[in-house]
Structures are given as structure tokens and as C-alpha cells.
Protein backbone atom coordinates (compact mmCIF):
# COMPACT_ATOMS: atom_id res chain seq x y z
CA UNK A 1 -15.25 26.87 16.80
CA UNK A 2 -15.66 24.50 13.74
CA UNK A 3 -14.05 21.04 13.78
CA UNK A 4 -11.90 22.01 11.15
CA UNK A 5 -10.88 25.10 12.81
CA UNK A 6 -10.31 23.26 15.43
CA UNK A 7 -7.95 20.60 13.72
CA UNK A 8 -6.08 23.63 11.79
CA UNK A 9 -5.58 25.72 15.01
CA UNK A 10 -4.11 22.17 16.37
CA UNK A 11 -1.79 22.32 13.24
CA UNK A 12 -0.82 25.44 13.82
CA UNK A 13 -0.05 25.15 17.62
CA UNK A 14 1.90 21.55 16.50
CA UNK A 15 4.33 23.89 14.32
CA UNK A 16 2.95 23.09 10.87
CA UNK A 17 3.06 25.64 8.26
CA UNK A 18 2.76 23.84 4.75
CA UNK A 19 -0.03 21.61 4.38
CA UNK A 20 0.40 19.24 1.70
CA UNK A 21 -2.85 18.32 -0.28
CA UNK A 22 -5.25 17.28 -3.32
CA UNK A 23 -8.90 18.82 -3.18
CA UNK A 24 -11.66 17.98 -2.48
CA UNK A 25 -11.49 18.57 1.35
CA UNK A 26 -12.35 21.47 3.19
CA UNK A 27 -9.39 21.75 5.21
CA UNK A 28 -7.40 23.66 2.19
CA UNK A 29 -9.73 26.29 2.73
CA UNK A 30 -9.31 26.51 6.11
CA UNK A 31 -5.90 25.86 6.34
CA UNK A 32 -5.44 28.73 3.97
CA UNK A 33 -7.32 31.00 6.04
CA UNK A 34 -5.20 30.41 8.89
CA UNK A 35 -1.77 31.32 7.21
CA UNK A 36 -1.17 27.45 6.25
CA UNK A 37 0.84 27.56 2.63
CA UNK A 38 -0.94 24.56 0.68
CA UNK A 39 0.96 22.66 -1.58
CA UNK A 40 -1.12 21.19 -4.49
CA UNK A 41 0.10 17.60 -5.92
CA UNK A 42 -0.44 15.95 -9.48
CA UNK A 43 -1.90 13.21 -7.40
CA UNK A 44 -1.95 11.60 -3.61
CA UNK A 45 1.08 9.34 -3.77
CA UNK A 46 3.43 11.59 -4.45
CA UNK A 47 1.70 14.27 -2.07
CA UNK A 48 2.15 11.43 0.73
CA UNK A 49 5.82 11.56 -0.50
CA UNK A 50 6.24 15.33 -0.19
CA UNK A 51 4.96 15.42 3.48
CA UNK A 52 7.36 12.07 3.80
CA UNK A 53 10.31 14.33 2.69
CA UNK A 54 9.59 16.86 4.58
CA UNK A 55 8.94 15.58 7.75
CA UNK A 56 12.59 13.36 7.05
CA UNK A 57 14.51 16.50 7.00
CA UNK A 58 13.27 18.51 9.73
CA UNK A 59 13.29 15.52 11.62
CA UNK A 60 9.50 15.56 12.44
CA UNK A 61 9.65 18.61 13.70
CA UNK A 62 7.30 20.14 12.53
CA UNK A 63 5.79 16.90 10.89
CA UNK A 64 4.77 16.68 7.11
CA UNK A 65 0.98 16.64 6.85
CA UNK A 66 -1.03 15.24 3.84
CA UNK A 67 -4.73 16.12 3.48
CA UNK A 68 -7.73 14.86 0.50
CA UNK A 69 -10.23 13.87 -0.32
CA UNK A 70 -12.73 10.64 0.59
CA UNK A 71 -13.20 7.57 -1.84
CA UNK A 72 -10.24 7.84 -4.39
CA UNK A 73 -7.87 10.45 -2.94
CA UNK A 74 -7.52 7.70 0.06
CA UNK A 75 -7.48 4.90 -2.13
CA UNK A 76 -4.55 6.98 -4.66
CA UNK A 77 -2.36 7.70 -1.38
CA UNK A 78 -2.02 4.20 -0.02
CA UNK A 79 1.53 3.63 -1.52
CA UNK A 80 3.15 6.54 -0.34
CA UNK A 81 1.68 6.08 3.07
CA UNK A 82 3.06 1.83 2.77
CA UNK A 83 6.68 3.74 2.04
CA UNK A 84 6.18 5.78 5.29
CA UNK A 85 5.41 2.85 7.22
CA UNK A 86 8.25 0.88 6.25
CA UNK A 87 10.98 3.57 6.84
CA UNK A 88 9.49 4.46 10.09
CA UNK A 89 8.56 8.40 8.91
CA UNK A 90 6.07 10.18 11.29
CA UNK A 91 3.65 11.88 9.16
CA UNK A 92 0.52 13.02 9.80
CA UNK A 93 -2.59 11.60 7.43
CA UNK A 94 -5.51 13.43 7.02
CA UNK A 95 -8.15 11.84 4.43
CA UNK A 96 -11.70 13.02 4.37
CA UNK A 97 -14.07 10.40 5.17
CA UNK A 98 -17.66 9.38 4.08
CA UNK A 99 -20.33 11.12 6.27
CA UNK A 100 -20.89 9.03 8.81
CA UNK A 101 -24.22 7.74 8.38
CA UNK A 102 -22.59 6.48 4.63
CA UNK A 103 -19.25 5.46 5.79
CA UNK A 104 -20.02 1.71 7.02
CA UNK A 105 -22.19 0.69 3.99
CA UNK A 106 -20.98 -1.25 1.17
CA UNK A 107 -18.77 -0.57 -0.87
CA UNK A 108 -17.66 2.62 0.54
CA UNK A 109 -14.00 2.91 0.94
CA UNK A 110 -12.92 3.68 4.62
CA UNK A 111 -9.63 5.18 5.18
CA UNK A 112 -9.49 3.51 9.04
CA UNK A 113 -10.53 -0.31 7.97
CA UNK A 114 -8.21 -0.34 4.51
CA UNK A 115 -5.07 1.81 6.62
CA UNK A 116 -4.28 0.00 9.65
CA UNK A 117 -1.67 -2.08 8.09
CA UNK A 118 0.83 0.31 7.31
CA UNK A 119 -0.21 3.06 10.02
CA UNK A 120 1.16 3.34 13.64
CA UNK A 121 -2.02 4.57 14.69
CA UNK A 122 -5.40 5.21 13.07
CA UNK A 123 -8.35 7.03 14.21
CA UNK A 124 -11.50 8.80 13.08
CA UNK A 125 -13.28 11.50 14.40
CA UNK A 126 -16.82 10.44 15.57
CA UNK A 127 -18.45 13.23 17.02
CA UNK A 128 -17.24 17.17 16.51
CA UNK A 129 -16.20 17.59 20.31
CA UNK A 130 -13.85 14.95 20.19
CA UNK A 131 -11.23 16.40 18.34
CA UNK A 132 -9.11 17.82 20.72
CA UNK A 133 -8.61 14.26 21.94
CA UNK A 134 -8.44 12.50 18.68
CA UNK A 135 -5.82 15.30 17.98
CA UNK A 136 -3.58 14.88 20.90
CA UNK A 137 -3.31 11.15 20.13
CA UNK A 138 -2.34 11.52 16.83
CA UNK A 139 0.74 13.60 18.08
CA UNK A 140 1.97 11.69 20.65
CA UNK A 141 1.84 8.77 18.85
CA UNK A 142 4.02 10.75 15.96
CA UNK A 143 6.70 12.09 18.98
CA UNK A 144 7.31 9.08 20.98
CA UNK A 145 8.45 5.43 20.65
CA UNK A 146 9.04 4.11 17.19
CA UNK A 147 8.24 6.88 14.40
CA UNK A 148 5.90 5.96 11.98
CA UNK A 149 2.49 7.56 9.63
CA UNK A 150 -0.45 8.22 11.75
CA UNK A 151 -4.25 8.42 10.22
CA UNK A 152 -7.07 10.67 11.54
CA UNK A 153 -10.37 10.28 9.16
CA UNK A 154 -12.30 13.21 9.22
CA UNK A 155 -15.76 12.64 8.44
CA UNK A 156 -16.99 15.34 5.93
CA UNK A 157 -20.32 15.71 7.69
CA UNK A 158 -17.73 16.90 10.76
CA UNK A 159 -16.14 19.37 9.18
CA UNK A 160 -18.11 22.51 9.82
CA UNK A 161 -19.81 21.13 12.89
CA UNK A 162 -19.11 23.00 16.52
CA UNK A 163 -16.85 21.75 18.63
CA UNK A 164 -18.94 22.87 21.43
CA UNK A 165 -16.47 24.73 23.64
CA UNK A 166 -15.40 28.59 23.23
CA UNK A 167 -11.95 27.78 24.18
CA UNK A 168 -9.81 24.70 22.23
CA UNK A 169 -8.26 22.54 25.03
CA UNK A 170 -5.18 21.48 23.28
CA UNK A 171 -1.24 21.61 24.28
CA UNK A 172 1.63 20.64 22.13
CA UNK A 173 2.94 17.53 22.71
CA UNK A 174 6.40 17.12 23.76
CA UNK A 175 8.79 13.88 23.50
CA UNK A 176 8.91 11.71 26.38
CA UNK A 177 12.28 9.42 26.10
CA UNK A 178 13.42 6.29 28.18
CA UNK A 179 16.74 4.94 28.85
CA UNK A 180 18.19 1.04 29.01
CA UNK A 181 18.64 -0.40 31.91
CA UNK A 182 21.86 0.74 33.28
CA UNK A 183 23.37 -3.08 34.18
CA UNK A 184 22.27 -4.24 29.99
CA UNK A 185 24.00 -0.69 29.41
CA UNK A 186 27.36 -2.17 31.65
CA UNK A 187 27.48 -5.20 30.24
CA UNK A 188 27.35 -3.84 26.25
CA UNK A 189 30.38 -1.46 27.37
CA UNK A 190 32.17 -4.56 28.57
CA UNK A 191 31.67 -6.90 25.01
CA UNK A 192 32.64 -4.10 23.06
CA UNK A 193 35.85 -3.51 24.58
CA UNK A 194 36.83 -6.83 25.06
CA UNK A 195 35.67 -7.49 21.46
CA UNK A 196 38.76 -7.55 19.51
CA UNK A 197 36.92 -6.03 16.24
CA UNK A 198 33.64 -4.71 16.90
CA UNK A 199 31.38 -2.27 14.30
CA UNK A 200 28.55 -0.15 15.25
CA UNK A 201 25.45 -0.67 12.60
CA UNK A 202 23.43 2.29 12.60
CA UNK A 203 20.11 3.54 11.67
CA UNK A 204 17.94 5.68 11.24
CA UNK A 205 16.80 6.09 14.89
CA UNK A 206 19.86 7.78 15.47
CA UNK A 207 18.65 10.68 13.22
CA UNK A 208 15.43 11.09 14.67
CA UNK A 209 17.40 10.66 17.84
CA UNK A 210 19.40 13.48 16.81
CA UNK A 211 22.69 11.22 18.12
CA UNK A 212 24.65 11.56 14.93
CA UNK A 213 27.34 13.89 16.98
CA UNK A 214 27.15 11.35 20.41
CA UNK A 215 27.92 8.62 18.08
CA UNK A 216 31.13 9.55 16.58
CA UNK A 217 31.98 10.60 20.05
CA UNK A 218 31.38 6.54 20.92
CA UNK A 219 33.20 5.51 17.63
CA UNK A 220 35.88 7.30 18.30
CA UNK A 221 36.59 6.27 22.09
CA UNK A 222 35.99 2.65 21.20
CA UNK A 223 37.54 2.97 17.37
CA UNK A 224 35.01 1.11 16.28
CA UNK A 225 33.76 1.38 12.77
CA UNK A 226 30.59 2.37 11.51
CA UNK A 227 28.41 0.86 9.29
CA UNK A 228 24.85 2.89 8.70
CA UNK A 229 21.57 0.79 7.12
CA UNK A 230 20.08 2.15 3.88
CA UNK A 231 17.67 4.41 6.15
CA UNK A 232 20.31 5.21 8.21
CA UNK A 233 22.63 7.00 5.72
CA UNK A 234 24.02 10.40 6.71
CA UNK A 235 23.43 9.14 10.36
CA UNK A 236 27.26 9.09 10.61
CA UNK A 237 29.41 10.97 8.44
CA UNK A 238 30.80 9.15 5.53
CA UNK A 239 34.25 11.14 4.93
CA UNK A 240 35.15 9.72 8.96
CA UNK A 241 38.18 7.41 9.01
CA UNK A 242 35.93 4.94 10.66
CA UNK A 243 32.75 5.43 8.00
CA UNK A 244 31.92 2.11 6.38
CA UNK A 245 29.28 3.57 4.41
CA UNK A 246 26.28 2.27 4.07
CA UNK A 247 25.35 -1.24 3.60
CA UNK A 248 21.89 -3.28 2.11
CA UNK A 249 21.61 -5.01 -1.00
CA UNK A 250 24.76 -3.03 -2.17
CA UNK A 251 28.05 -2.04 0.01
CA UNK A 252 30.87 -0.20 -0.53
CA UNK A 253 34.44 -2.49 -0.20
CA UNK A 254 35.25 -1.22 3.51
CA UNK A 255 31.60 -1.96 4.90
CA UNK A 256 31.83 -5.52 2.87
CA UNK A 257 34.99 -6.51 3.97
CA UNK A 258 34.53 -5.37 8.08
CA UNK A 259 30.75 -6.84 7.95
CA UNK A 260 31.82 -10.45 6.66
CA UNK A 261 35.39 -10.60 7.09
CA UNK A 262 36.88 -8.69 10.24
CA UNK A 263 33.89 -7.97 12.85
CA UNK A 264 33.46 -10.33 15.69
CA UNK A 265 30.69 -8.32 17.43
CA UNK A 266 27.97 -5.28 15.96
CA UNK A 267 26.17 -2.82 18.17
CA UNK A 268 22.84 -2.70 16.10
CA UNK A 269 21.69 0.92 17.03
CA UNK A 270 18.12 2.75 15.90
CA UNK A 271 17.73 -0.16 13.62
CA UNK A 272 15.13 -3.02 13.57
CA UNK A 273 17.43 -5.56 12.06
CA UNK A 274 14.58 -6.61 9.88
CA UNK A 275 15.18 -9.52 7.34
CA UNK A 276 14.77 -7.62 3.69
CA UNK A 277 17.39 -7.45 0.84
CA UNK A 278 17.81 -3.78 0.88
CA UNK A 279 18.66 -3.74 5.02
CA UNK A 280 21.90 -4.93 6.08
CA UNK A 281 22.14 -8.69 6.44
CA UNK A 282 24.30 -9.70 9.28
CA UNK A 283 26.61 -12.51 8.53
CA UNK A 284 25.12 -16.19 8.69
CA UNK A 285 27.11 -17.33 11.69
CA UNK A 286 29.87 -15.88 14.32
CA UNK A 287 28.61 -12.35 14.76
CA UNK A 288 27.72 -12.01 18.54
CA UNK A 289 24.76 -8.76 18.34
CA UNK A 290 23.79 -6.30 21.02
CA UNK A 291 20.66 -4.58 20.04
CA UNK A 292 19.68 -1.09 20.44
CA UNK A 293 15.98 -0.33 19.08
CA UNK A 294 13.71 1.43 21.09
CA UNK A 295 10.53 -0.74 19.76
CA UNK A 296 10.80 -4.24 21.91
CA UNK A 297 9.32 -5.69 18.90
CA UNK A 298 12.16 -4.98 16.85
CA UNK A 299 14.52 -7.63 19.90
CA UNK A 300 15.25 -10.40 18.93
CA UNK A 301 13.33 -11.51 15.84
CA UNK A 302 15.67 -12.01 13.29
CA UNK A 303 18.73 -12.74 15.11
CA UNK A 304 19.59 -14.10 18.42
CA UNK A 305 20.76 -10.94 20.20
CA UNK A 306 23.25 -11.54 23.33
CA UNK A 307 22.29 -7.83 24.80
CA UNK A 308 19.50 -5.87 24.18
CA UNK A 309 19.25 -2.64 25.05
CA UNK A 310 15.48 -0.74 25.15
CA UNK A 311 15.24 3.00 24.55
CA UNK A 312 16.13 6.17 22.92
CA UNK A 313 18.92 5.87 20.80
CA UNK A 314 20.51 9.37 22.25
CA UNK A 315 19.92 8.15 25.63
CA UNK A 316 21.43 4.87 25.09
CA UNK A 317 24.84 6.46 23.29
CA UNK A 318 25.44 8.78 25.75
CA UNK A 319 24.86 5.33 28.68
CA UNK A 320 27.58 3.66 26.61
CA UNK A 321 29.96 6.20 26.59
CA UNK A 322 29.78 7.20 30.28
CA UNK A 323 30.57 3.13 30.68
CA UNK A 324 32.63 2.80 28.27
CA UNK A 325 34.79 6.31 29.56
CA UNK A 326 34.76 4.02 33.02
CA UNK A 327 35.62 1.26 32.15
CA UNK A 328 38.68 2.47 30.54
CA UNK A 329 39.82 4.36 33.10
CA UNK A 330 42.04 6.81 30.85
CA UNK A 331 43.38 3.91 28.57
CA UNK A 332 43.30 4.02 24.90
CA UNK A 333 42.14 0.72 23.38
CA UNK A 334 44.54 -1.37 21.01
CA UNK A 335 42.92 -1.07 17.57
CA UNK A 336 43.52 1.09 14.76
CA UNK A 337 41.03 0.00 11.66
CA UNK A 338 41.30 3.54 9.72
CA UNK A 339 44.08 2.66 8.04
CA UNK A 340 42.74 -0.57 6.91
CA UNK A 341 39.56 1.42 6.02
CA UNK A 342 41.34 3.77 3.78
CA UNK A 343 43.18 0.85 2.25
CA UNK A 344 40.39 -1.25 1.45
CA UNK A 345 38.25 1.72 0.16
CA UNK A 346 41.19 3.04 -2.66
CA UNK A 347 41.57 -0.76 -3.47
CA UNK A 348 37.66 -1.29 -4.10
CA UNK A 349 37.29 2.20 -5.47
CA UNK A 350 40.41 1.30 -8.28
CA UNK A 351 38.04 -2.13 -9.35
CA UNK A 352 34.92 0.68 -10.27
CA UNK A 353 37.67 3.52 -11.62
CA UNK A 354 36.78 2.22 -15.22
CA UNK A 355 32.86 2.80 -14.79
CA UNK A 356 33.10 5.73 -12.94
CA UNK A 357 35.28 7.33 -15.21
CA UNK A 358 34.43 6.08 -18.30
CA UNK A 359 33.60 7.90 -21.63
CA UNK A 360 31.68 5.33 -23.05
CA UNK A 361 28.70 6.33 -25.21
CA UNK A 362 25.85 6.01 -24.24
CA UNK A 363 27.15 7.54 -20.67
CA UNK A 364 27.82 5.13 -17.84
CA UNK A 365 24.99 5.76 -15.14
CA UNK A 366 28.25 5.83 -12.75
CA UNK A 367 30.46 8.63 -14.80
CA UNK A 368 27.05 11.03 -13.98
CA UNK A 369 27.16 10.02 -10.40
CA UNK A 370 30.99 10.25 -10.00
CA UNK A 371 30.99 13.83 -11.93
CA UNK A 372 28.02 15.00 -9.79
CA UNK A 373 30.16 13.78 -6.27
CA UNK A 374 33.62 15.52 -7.48
CA UNK A 375 31.17 18.68 -7.96
CA UNK A 376 29.29 18.82 -4.99
CA UNK A 377 29.94 19.37 -1.69
CA UNK A 378 27.38 17.10 -0.09
CA UNK A 379 27.53 19.28 3.37
CA UNK A 380 25.29 21.73 1.06
CA UNK A 381 23.22 19.05 -0.50
CA UNK A 382 19.99 16.87 0.43
CA UNK A 383 20.37 13.88 -2.52
CA UNK A 384 18.18 10.65 -2.63
CA UNK A 385 17.91 7.82 -5.11
CA UNK A 386 14.69 6.20 -6.61
CA UNK A 387 14.08 2.52 -6.53
CA UNK A 388 15.84 0.11 -8.80
CA UNK A 389 19.43 0.95 -10.78
CA UNK A 390 19.83 4.42 -10.03
CA UNK A 391 19.69 3.43 -6.19
CA UNK A 392 22.09 0.57 -6.17
CA UNK A 393 24.18 2.37 -8.19
CA UNK A 394 24.63 5.97 -6.28
CA UNK A 395 24.32 4.23 -2.19
CA UNK A 396 27.69 2.97 -2.02
CA UNK A 397 29.63 5.80 -3.65
CA UNK A 398 27.64 8.68 -2.70
CA UNK A 399 29.32 10.26 0.91
CA UNK A 400 26.82 11.49 2.93
CA UNK A 401 28.73 14.48 5.40
CA UNK A 402 25.94 15.93 7.59
CA UNK A 403 22.98 14.18 9.46
CA UNK A 404 19.50 14.03 6.67
CA UNK A 405 21.92 15.17 3.64
CA UNK A 406 20.71 12.18 2.10
CA UNK A 407 17.43 10.33 2.07
CA UNK A 408 17.86 6.74 1.73
CA UNK A 409 14.93 4.31 2.00
CA UNK A 410 13.72 1.49 0.50
CA UNK A 411 12.06 -1.47 2.09
CA UNK A 412 8.78 -0.85 0.64
CA UNK A 413 9.97 0.64 -2.82
CA UNK A 414 7.31 2.27 -5.47
CA UNK A 415 9.24 3.32 -8.70
CA UNK A 416 8.83 7.30 -8.53
CA UNK A 417 9.16 8.03 -4.52
CA UNK A 418 12.39 9.92 -4.83
CA UNK A 419 10.46 12.93 -6.85
CA UNK A 420 8.34 13.49 -4.12
CA UNK A 421 10.41 13.19 -1.27
CA UNK A 422 12.61 15.68 -2.80
CA UNK A 423 10.70 18.52 -3.18
CA UNK A 424 9.53 18.30 0.22
CA UNK A 425 13.14 17.78 1.61
CA UNK A 426 13.54 20.90 -0.39
CA UNK A 427 10.51 22.80 1.21
CA UNK A 428 11.76 22.00 4.48
CA UNK A 429 15.85 23.46 3.82
CA UNK A 430 15.17 25.68 0.81
CA UNK A 431 19.13 26.57 1.69
CA UNK A 432 19.47 22.69 0.35
CA UNK A 433 20.69 22.22 -3.03
CA UNK A 434 18.26 19.22 -3.53
CA UNK A 435 18.71 16.43 -6.10
CA UNK A 436 16.94 13.14 -6.57
CA UNK A 437 18.66 10.48 -9.40
CA UNK A 438 15.69 8.06 -10.69
CA UNK A 439 15.38 6.22 -14.11
CA UNK A 440 13.50 6.69 -16.77
CA UNK A 441 10.95 3.87 -15.42
CA UNK A 442 10.45 5.88 -12.31
CA UNK A 443 9.61 9.25 -14.30
CA UNK A 444 7.15 7.50 -16.30
CA UNK A 445 5.40 6.78 -12.69
CA UNK A 446 5.70 9.82 -11.12
CA UNK A 447 7.42 12.71 -13.33
CA UNK A 448 4.22 15.03 -13.93
CA UNK A 449 4.54 15.83 -10.58
CA UNK A 450 7.73 17.44 -11.90
CA UNK A 451 5.17 19.99 -12.51
CA UNK A 452 4.28 20.64 -8.80
CA UNK A 453 7.55 21.84 -8.44
CA UNK A 454 7.33 24.52 -11.02
CA UNK A 455 4.22 25.80 -10.48
CA UNK A 456 5.35 25.83 -6.34
CA UNK A 457 7.94 27.50 -7.24
CA UNK A 458 10.60 25.02 -5.43
CA UNK A 459 13.50 24.48 -7.41
CA UNK A 460 15.18 20.99 -6.73
CA UNK A 461 16.77 19.17 -9.57
CA UNK A 462 15.75 15.54 -11.02
CA UNK A 463 18.39 14.20 -12.62
CA UNK A 464 16.98 11.09 -14.92
CA UNK A 465 19.11 8.13 -16.28
CA UNK A 466 17.11 7.35 -19.38
CA UNK A 467 18.87 4.04 -21.02
CA UNK A 468 15.17 3.48 -22.86
CA UNK A 469 14.97 0.22 -21.24
CA UNK A 470 13.73 -1.85 -17.78
CA UNK A 471 17.53 -3.08 -17.42
CA UNK A 472 17.27 -4.50 -13.47
CA UNK A 473 14.95 -6.74 -15.59
CA UNK A 474 17.40 -8.74 -18.32
CA UNK A 475 17.41 -11.49 -16.32
CA UNK A 476 13.52 -11.63 -15.56
CA UNK A 477 11.59 -11.00 -18.92
CA UNK A 478 13.95 -12.75 -21.42
CA UNK A 479 11.65 -14.39 -23.43
CA UNK A 480 8.92 -11.29 -23.50
CA UNK A 481 11.30 -9.06 -24.45
CA UNK A 482 12.60 -11.61 -27.33
CA UNK A 483 9.46 -11.99 -28.54
CA UNK A 484 7.69 -8.47 -28.06
CA UNK A 485 10.45 -6.08 -26.96
CA UNK A 486 8.47 -5.77 -23.28
CA UNK A 487 11.48 -4.42 -21.75
CA UNK A 488 11.64 -1.61 -23.98
CA UNK A 489 10.64 2.03 -23.04
CA UNK A 490 10.93 5.78 -24.37
CA UNK A 491 10.35 9.20 -23.87
CA UNK A 492 12.45 12.54 -24.45
CA UNK A 493 12.29 13.63 -20.46
CA UNK A 494 13.62 16.77 -21.35
CA UNK A 495 11.21 17.79 -23.30
CA UNK A 496 8.78 17.15 -21.04
CA UNK A 497 9.87 19.27 -18.54
CA UNK A 498 10.05 21.96 -20.93
CA UNK A 499 6.92 21.64 -21.52
CA UNK A 500 5.49 21.52 -17.82
CA UNK A 501 7.44 24.94 -17.25
CA UNK A 502 11.12 23.66 -15.79
CA UNK A 503 14.29 24.51 -17.43
CA UNK A 504 15.95 21.09 -19.01
CA UNK A 505 18.72 19.71 -21.00
CA UNK A 506 19.45 16.86 -22.71
CA UNK A 507 23.11 15.58 -22.50
CA UNK A 508 24.53 12.68 -24.66
CA UNK A 509 28.35 13.42 -24.29
CA UNK A 510 30.30 12.56 -20.97
CA UNK A 511 32.63 14.93 -21.44
CA UNK A 512 29.34 18.20 -21.29
CA UNK A 513 28.17 16.01 -18.08
CA UNK A 514 30.11 18.63 -15.49
CA UNK A 515 29.08 21.43 -17.13
CA UNK A 516 25.44 20.43 -17.08
CA UNK A 517 25.53 19.76 -13.52
CA UNK A 518 26.89 22.76 -13.07
CA UNK A 519 24.16 24.83 -15.43
CA UNK A 520 21.25 23.16 -13.79
CA UNK A 521 22.85 24.33 -10.32
CA UNK A 522 22.95 27.98 -11.34
CA UNK A 523 18.82 27.52 -12.03
CA UNK A 524 18.05 26.20 -9.38
CA UNK A 525 19.89 28.98 -7.40
CA UNK A 526 17.72 31.43 -9.41
CA UNK A 527 14.44 29.47 -8.42
CA UNK A 528 13.65 27.20 -11.28
CA UNK A 529 12.83 23.73 -11.08
CA UNK A 530 15.36 21.99 -13.37
CA UNK A 531 15.41 18.66 -15.10
CA UNK A 532 19.02 16.78 -16.68
CA UNK A 533 18.08 14.07 -19.06
CA UNK A 534 21.12 11.74 -19.34
CA UNK A 535 20.93 9.47 -22.06
CA UNK A 536 22.86 6.38 -20.26
CA UNK A 537 23.91 2.68 -21.04
CA UNK A 538 21.77 -0.51 -19.29
CA UNK A 539 24.35 -0.43 -17.12
CA UNK A 540 23.70 -3.91 -14.63
CA UNK A 541 26.78 -3.61 -12.36
CA UNK A 542 26.46 -3.33 -8.96
CA UNK A 543 28.94 -3.17 -5.99
CA UNK A 544 27.06 -6.43 -3.94
CA UNK A 545 28.05 -7.79 -1.31
CA UNK A 546 31.79 -9.45 -2.46
CA UNK A 547 32.04 -5.67 -2.76
CA UNK A 548 33.45 -5.37 -6.95
CA UNK A 549 31.72 -4.85 -9.92
CA UNK A 550 29.54 -7.67 -11.29
């Protein structure tokens, strides 16, 4: 058995059936011969994003895999891997490497050297007989602990060499979980019961641990409102009476109110509590913190932590439920936050109604999102944003009701990431209506990979909010814009999508938004990749921390 055959056989044993890739790497031909489907992207960065979206929706079962050539191919994939690393997405990265005798020579690009800062584990295959051990370590890292991308570099002179055995010694890796110290769980249960208004901040660790159902049970038992991080959006059903939506750079009204005005204790569950503008900022004073994570590096990192719970999110929630039930002994807690949440949500939405129902031309982007939410059942959809304005406009208002029904991302936030994510999501969940919202600047970064969706028969819907300018940069580029119109960009993206083989429409009338979305959805149901281009205003009002439009 040759090294390439062994790698592909291991992928198959780990459940992989799709290989996201870009030539030239002999792994493509080997994978196809073994029955895998190749998805050939237009550029490596987007191919990584596709593997990322795929693995988020499958929950890493199986993981997304991306392979490409050495040198320029590996170099061009870096932004995608950086995004996956910042969001702890478990995908396998298989760059071809230079031949071993030349790999260390100046100025060769060597992936193992350059990718170490944005991967959980990085290793190269030095000898063909090392393939089983290297791949075993790679999948162990993909299955256990804090998740993230793993890289295995395959030198091009290795792939055709024999691994030196007639039978491949490899057994698929099962995840190993650990639970927090029981005394810490008891202390946390007591603190949650004794607090006057505890809230739960749920991160994407809840999604990867498949703990959403148990989280609902814990929240109802404690009568504790639940806010999610951007990455954790959809970990708790946002149509639930205790849901506060997501929080980060933008908040829903109830989320802002409870986190900054009402809460005296937060249970941060399955999140890193990083200090970053797109993660959920905790109030500067007066909020006690219980931090539950599976990575000891998170503890006490950004905030003073009163109680630390180190372990798998699912086992942590199960332990908390048992401890809380035991302490309550059948009695209920004297809390009823649901009415206050509903009141805060109604008041917040009322403040935004002029934008959500705006009849203006160019179209207000909030009107597009409001019509989409009115028409589309989130239980049957997977939605993601792109960087910049579409992200901050969509996050607080969209209500995700099923785990992984929304792909939130952003600590490393390259424009254009959402397109690859949604292509991967659709391949992982072909029964879902898969939609990405992106701006015209984001489309300019990665839009040609819309053709990948067309060519591969992946019927996504891309919604381009085209305001013909970089509106988010208005306050940063005043002089350059005044003298050189530096913020202005242009293009007819519906025409481009049509030329790339997809179905598309350009919409300028706000009264046609709903019908255009319905027409596009019907086309996706018929198997066509679709693009809707809405001509929008340069809206710069966001639901920032005070929860009102500004």
C-alpha cells in the first residue's frame, strides 16, 4: 500500500466522503479512485472555508478535509485556516509538501513551519511507514479537547512510496471526555441557586458537545436567561422564552439589558471568554463569573473567575442539573424572567421598526433581513453572515431555533468567508435551505467561487447587499474619499452570477423583496445555485450595547 492510498483509506475509515481540494496534489486522484467526491474550489482560502462550514454542520462527524499543492497553494490557504483556528473549528488540512531533500532549503515555503501559529497540531510525514501514526495523532487532536484545525503535510516524494505493510493498522479515533471536579460543580450549583439573577452565556462548546437539549433543561430549572456568543449562536433556541439572543459587537435589546443591568452572576459555558470586540464583553464590575470550559488555558485568562469547571460541556451541564435538582429538592425558584425578556424584546423591536419595515429606496438592508425572517422557517434553514455590516445587522435580529441552524463566526474575520461556509454547509445538510448574507465588498473578495457552487451542483442562495460603497469605513476614510472617492466600489453582481451559470436577480424595489426570496428558494429546490442582489442604502446604524439604533 502506498502512502497516498493509506491516507485516503484512513480518511474513509474516519467517515470522510468529500474532499475539498485544489490541484495539484495526487491525493485528489487517489481519493476519487477510492470513492470520495472531490469539490474543486476556485481558490484555496475558499476551499478551506467550505471544509470549515461542512465540519461545523456535521459537528465534526465527519470532519471537513482540504488538500492542495505545495508552495502557492498552501500559502493561499492561510486565511481560511486562521479563521478556523480562531473559531476552534475541527478540520483536517492536507497540504502537499516539497520533496524532503529540498523542503528545508531557502526560500521554500514549508507548511509545518508557517502554520504552527494557526493550527492545534502540525506534523509532516517524514517516512511513508509513519502515515498511520501521524494520522492517528491528527484525528486524536480533531476529536479531543478544545477543537481546532490540524495540519498534516505530505511531502510530494512520499505519496507514491510503500508504507511497508500488507495491512493498514488503523482504528478510527473515539473522543475521550472528562467531567469537572464534583466539588466545583456543587459550588457552582449553590452559587447559581443563591444568585438573584444569574444568566448563562453559551458558546460553541455547547454545540460541539451536543449539549443544547441539556442546556434548555438547565436554564428552565434555574429560570436563568441564556445569551449566546457569536460563535455559539444556535446553541440555545432563540424562540425560547428564556432566550436573550447573541451578544458581541452587537446585542439584542434583552441581551444588553440582562447582561449589563440585571445579572449578578454569569455561567460562561463552552466559551473562551476572550477579550475581543466580536466576543461577548462582560460588564467591568460587579458580575461574578463561573467559567466552564474544556481548555485550562481559558481559565482566569480575561476575567476574574470565582468557580472554574474544567471539562466537557455536556458532562458539565449534566452534573449541574443533578446538583441543582438535589439542592432544590423539588421546590421551584422564585424567578420569572420570561415576562421581562418579552417586554424588553418588544420595546427594542419597536425602536427598530422604522428600519425593519422601511419603504425607502435604495432598500434598507434591515428590510431585506426582516422579510427573509418573515418568510423562512429557521428550523429548515442554515444561515450565515459575512464580515462587516451584514454580520452586525443580522446577528441581533435573526432567531436561530435549531443547533447549527446559524453559523456564527468572526474573531478572525476575512471578508468573503461566508460564501465558502455556506457551500460546505449545504453539502453537509442538503435538505436545508442554506443562505449567506454578504456585502458587495465581501463578494469582491471571493465571489468567483459562486461558480464552484454552480459547477458542483450545490444549490445555495447568496444574498448580496450592494450599497456600492464601504459604508463601515465612512468615519475612517473621510479625506481619501473626499479627494479620490476611495470608499466607492461597483459592479452588477447579478449579471456576474448569471454569467457564471447560476440563477440571479437584481432587486431595487423594496416591495419585491419577499417575492424575490420566494423565487430564489424555488430555484434552489430545483437544484440551482442562486444569487439575489439587493440595491441597498449605506446603512450604518447597529444594535450596539445600548440596544437602540445608532
